[in-house]
N, C-alpha and C. Protein backbone atom coordinates (compact mmCIF):
# COMPACT_ATOMS: atom_id res chain seq x y z
N MET A 1 16.91 -12.61 10.96
CA MET A 1 15.38 -11.72 10.44
C MET A 1 15.24 -10.65 11.59
N LYS A 2 15.69 -10.28 12.79
CA LYS A 2 15.45 -9.24 13.77
C LYS A 2 16.54 -8.19 13.07
N GLU A 3 17.74 -8.70 12.71
CA GLU A 3 18.71 -7.39 12.16
C GLU A 3 18.39 -6.92 11.06
N LEU A 4 17.68 -7.80 10.09
CA LEU A 4 17.02 -7.21 8.62
C LEU A 4 15.83 -6.48 9.28
N LEU A 5 15.26 -6.65 9.73
CA LEU A 5 14.06 -5.77 10.12
C LEU A 5 14.62 -4.36 10.72
N ARG A 6 15.61 -4.39 11.65
CA ARG A 6 16.15 -3.09 12.22
C ARG A 6 17.12 -2.01 11.31
N THR A 7 17.39 -3.26 10.36
CA THR A 7 18.31 -1.99 9.07
C THR A 7 17.50 -1.75 8.14
N ILE A 8 16.15 -1.95 7.86
CA ILE A 8 15.32 -1.46 7.20
C ILE A 8 14.37 -0.52 7.86
N VAL A 9 14.37 -0.38 9.13
CA VAL A 9 13.77 0.61 9.80
C VAL A 9 14.59 1.57 9.93
N GLU A 10 15.96 1.57 10.27
CA GLU A 10 16.70 2.39 10.64
C GLU A 10 16.80 3.42 9.39
N GLY A 11 16.77 3.11 8.00
CA GLY A 11 16.93 3.89 6.74
C GLY A 11 15.47 4.88 6.94
N LEU A 12 14.19 4.49 7.52
CA LEU A 12 12.83 5.27 7.29
C LEU A 12 12.78 5.89 8.51
N VAL A 13 13.40 5.80 9.71
CA VAL A 13 12.94 7.02 10.79
C VAL A 13 14.07 7.55 11.19
N GLU A 14 13.83 8.70 11.93
CA GLU A 14 14.70 9.69 12.24
C GLU A 14 15.27 9.52 13.66
N ASN A 15 14.32 9.18 14.53
CA ASN A 15 14.76 8.77 16.19
C ASN A 15 15.29 7.34 16.00
N LYS A 16 16.42 7.01 15.75
CA LYS A 16 17.11 5.27 15.61
C LYS A 16 17.22 4.81 16.70
N SER A 17 17.01 5.46 17.72
CA SER A 17 17.44 5.17 19.29
C SER A 17 16.12 4.37 19.88
N SER A 18 15.04 5.01 19.24
CA SER A 18 13.77 4.31 19.75
C SER A 18 13.26 3.15 19.02
N ILE A 19 14.12 2.53 18.27
CA ILE A 19 13.47 1.34 17.80
C ILE A 19 13.87 0.27 18.59
N GLU A 20 12.62 -0.52 18.72
CA GLU A 20 12.94 -1.90 19.58
C GLU A 20 12.30 -2.98 18.55
N VAL A 21 13.06 -4.25 18.53
CA VAL A 21 12.24 -5.45 17.82
C VAL A 21 12.35 -6.30 18.76
N THR A 22 11.00 -6.85 18.98
CA THR A 22 11.17 -8.33 19.76
C THR A 22 10.58 -9.41 19.22
N GLU A 23 10.63 -10.24 19.65
CA GLU A 23 10.60 -11.70 18.82
C GLU A 23 9.66 -12.98 19.97
N ASP A 24 8.79 -13.19 19.23
CA ASP A 24 8.11 -14.27 19.99
C ASP A 24 8.63 -15.56 19.61
N GLU A 25 8.11 -16.54 20.41
CA GLU A 25 8.59 -17.83 20.08
C GLU A 25 7.61 -18.21 19.14
N VAL A 26 8.27 -19.40 18.51
CA VAL A 26 7.42 -19.76 17.33
C VAL A 26 5.89 -20.46 18.00
N ASN A 27 5.17 -20.21 17.21
CA ASN A 27 3.78 -20.66 17.84
C ASN A 27 3.64 -21.76 17.22
N GLU A 28 2.11 -22.37 17.53
CA GLU A 28 1.93 -23.84 17.15
C GLU A 28 1.70 -24.01 15.34
N GLU A 29 1.69 -22.87 14.93
CA GLU A 29 1.27 -22.83 13.41
C GLU A 29 2.87 -22.56 12.44
N GLY A 30 3.68 -22.51 13.34
CA GLY A 30 5.33 -22.70 12.95
C GLY A 30 5.49 -20.78 12.36
N ILE A 31 4.98 -20.20 12.99
CA ILE A 31 5.22 -18.59 12.51
C ILE A 31 5.78 -17.95 13.88
N VAL A 32 6.79 -17.34 13.45
CA VAL A 32 7.29 -16.37 14.41
C VAL A 32 6.85 -14.80 14.12
N VAL A 33 6.64 -14.39 15.18
CA VAL A 33 6.04 -13.02 15.01
C VAL A 33 7.22 -12.29 15.80
N TYR A 34 7.24 -10.97 15.08
CA TYR A 34 8.21 -9.78 15.18
C TYR A 34 7.36 -8.57 15.62
N HIS A 35 7.48 -7.92 16.67
CA HIS A 35 6.89 -7.00 17.00
C HIS A 35 7.71 -5.56 16.96
N LEU A 36 7.52 -4.57 16.38
CA LEU A 36 8.27 -3.08 15.90
C LEU A 36 7.78 -2.31 16.61
N HIS A 37 8.64 -1.51 17.42
CA HIS A 37 8.33 -0.43 18.32
C HIS A 37 8.87 0.77 17.90
N VAL A 38 8.49 1.75 17.45
CA VAL A 38 8.80 3.21 17.02
C VAL A 38 8.64 4.38 17.81
N ALA A 39 9.24 5.71 17.40
CA ALA A 39 8.83 6.60 18.25
C ALA A 39 7.52 6.93 17.66
N GLN A 40 6.28 7.70 18.20
CA GLN A 40 5.24 8.05 17.70
C GLN A 40 5.44 8.71 16.52
N GLU A 41 6.13 9.79 16.46
CA GLU A 41 6.50 10.61 15.47
C GLU A 41 7.00 9.95 14.12
N ASP A 42 7.65 8.88 14.21
CA ASP A 42 8.08 8.08 13.07
C ASP A 42 7.34 6.91 12.52
N MET A 43 5.94 6.69 13.22
CA MET A 43 5.15 5.71 12.84
C MET A 43 4.43 5.86 11.47
N GLY A 44 4.16 7.68 10.95
CA GLY A 44 3.83 7.41 9.65
C GLY A 44 4.86 7.31 8.87
N ARG A 45 6.09 7.57 9.20
CA ARG A 45 7.20 6.98 8.23
C ARG A 45 7.34 5.45 7.91
N VAL A 46 7.07 4.77 8.85
CA VAL A 46 6.90 3.04 8.85
C VAL A 46 5.95 2.44 8.39
N ILE A 47 4.79 3.46 8.51
CA ILE A 47 3.61 2.48 7.94
C ILE A 47 3.38 3.19 6.08
N GLY A 48 3.56 4.52 5.98
CA GLY A 48 3.47 5.15 4.75
C GLY A 48 2.35 5.36 4.52
N LYS A 49 1.87 5.97 3.49
CA LYS A 49 0.55 6.29 2.66
C LYS A 49 -0.20 4.94 2.43
N GLN A 50 -1.16 4.75 2.95
CA GLN A 50 -2.08 3.85 3.00
C GLN A 50 -1.54 2.34 2.91
N GLY A 51 -0.43 2.28 3.87
CA GLY A 51 0.57 1.21 4.55
C GLY A 51 1.23 0.34 3.36
N ARG A 52 1.49 1.52 2.45
CA ARG A 52 2.27 0.86 1.46
C ARG A 52 3.89 0.72 2.17
N ILE A 53 4.45 1.39 2.66
CA ILE A 53 5.89 0.70 3.48
C ILE A 53 5.77 -0.04 4.01
N ALA A 54 4.80 -0.30 5.12
CA ALA A 54 4.90 -1.59 6.09
C ALA A 54 4.41 -2.84 5.18
N LYS A 55 3.51 -2.45 4.20
CA LYS A 55 3.22 -3.35 3.28
C LYS A 55 4.78 -4.22 2.90
N ALA A 56 5.68 -3.30 1.98
CA ALA A 56 6.68 -3.84 1.31
C ALA A 56 7.72 -4.07 2.35
N VAL A 57 7.67 -3.62 3.73
CA VAL A 57 8.47 -4.28 4.53
C VAL A 57 8.43 -5.52 5.21
N ARG A 58 6.94 -5.72 5.19
CA ARG A 58 6.54 -7.46 5.37
C ARG A 58 6.59 -8.22 4.29
N THR A 59 6.74 -7.69 2.97
CA THR A 59 7.41 -8.71 1.94
C THR A 59 8.56 -8.90 1.84
N ILE A 60 9.27 -7.98 2.17
CA ILE A 60 10.75 -8.37 2.46
C ILE A 60 11.05 -9.53 3.61
N MET A 61 10.46 -9.20 4.62
CA MET A 61 10.72 -10.31 5.81
C MET A 61 10.00 -11.37 5.52
N ARG A 62 8.92 -11.49 4.57
CA ARG A 62 8.88 -12.89 4.26
C ARG A 62 9.58 -13.74 3.42
N ALA A 63 10.21 -12.93 2.45
CA ALA A 63 11.08 -13.07 1.25
C ALA A 63 12.29 -13.98 2.21
N GLY A 64 12.76 -13.12 3.27
CA GLY A 64 13.83 -13.58 3.80
C GLY A 64 13.73 -14.67 4.97
N ALA A 65 12.48 -14.86 5.15
CA ALA A 65 12.51 -16.28 5.93
C ALA A 65 12.24 -17.45 5.25
N ALA A 66 11.59 -16.92 4.00
CA ALA A 66 11.52 -18.11 3.05
C ALA A 66 12.88 -18.70 2.88
N LYS A 67 13.93 -18.33 2.36
CA LYS A 67 15.33 -18.50 2.31
C LYS A 67 15.40 -19.59 3.53
N ASN A 68 15.29 -19.31 4.84
CA ASN A 68 15.49 -20.14 5.95
C ASN A 68 14.47 -21.22 6.28
N ASN A 69 13.18 -21.46 5.58
CA ASN A 69 12.15 -22.07 5.71
C ASN A 69 11.60 -21.43 6.86
N MET A 70 11.40 -20.43 7.36
CA MET A 70 10.42 -19.97 8.36
C MET A 70 9.61 -19.69 7.75
N LYS A 71 8.32 -19.00 8.63
CA LYS A 71 7.20 -18.32 8.49
C LYS A 71 7.45 -17.12 9.47
N VAL A 72 6.89 -15.86 9.23
CA VAL A 72 7.20 -14.58 9.82
C VAL A 72 5.89 -13.85 9.91
N MET A 73 5.64 -12.87 10.89
CA MET A 73 4.84 -12.05 10.79
C MET A 73 5.22 -10.91 11.61
N LEU A 74 4.80 -9.75 11.07
CA LEU A 74 5.58 -8.56 11.47
C LEU A 74 4.36 -7.60 12.23
N GLU A 75 4.38 -7.14 13.47
CA GLU A 75 3.37 -6.26 13.87
C GLU A 75 4.09 -4.94 14.10
N ILE A 76 3.65 -3.71 13.81
CA ILE A 76 4.12 -2.74 14.00
C ILE A 76 3.22 -1.96 15.21
N GLU A 77 3.80 -1.71 16.16
CA GLU A 77 3.16 -1.09 17.21
C GLU A 77 3.68 0.15 17.69
């Protein structure tokens, strides 16, 4: 899942070296939280107008997680 997120975001940002993805342990509800950090100037590209790109990335992450019987949440910071 971490590599899926990195691959998606690499296509969106210009400063690929600033991409950081961290993963929390599974919480009591069975959800894995991924934290995405990008350069400040790339933040708009990742979020998109009215959050459309961020919503699409979250949808893809949930679909990939469903194949593995996981629950994921993405936080963009």
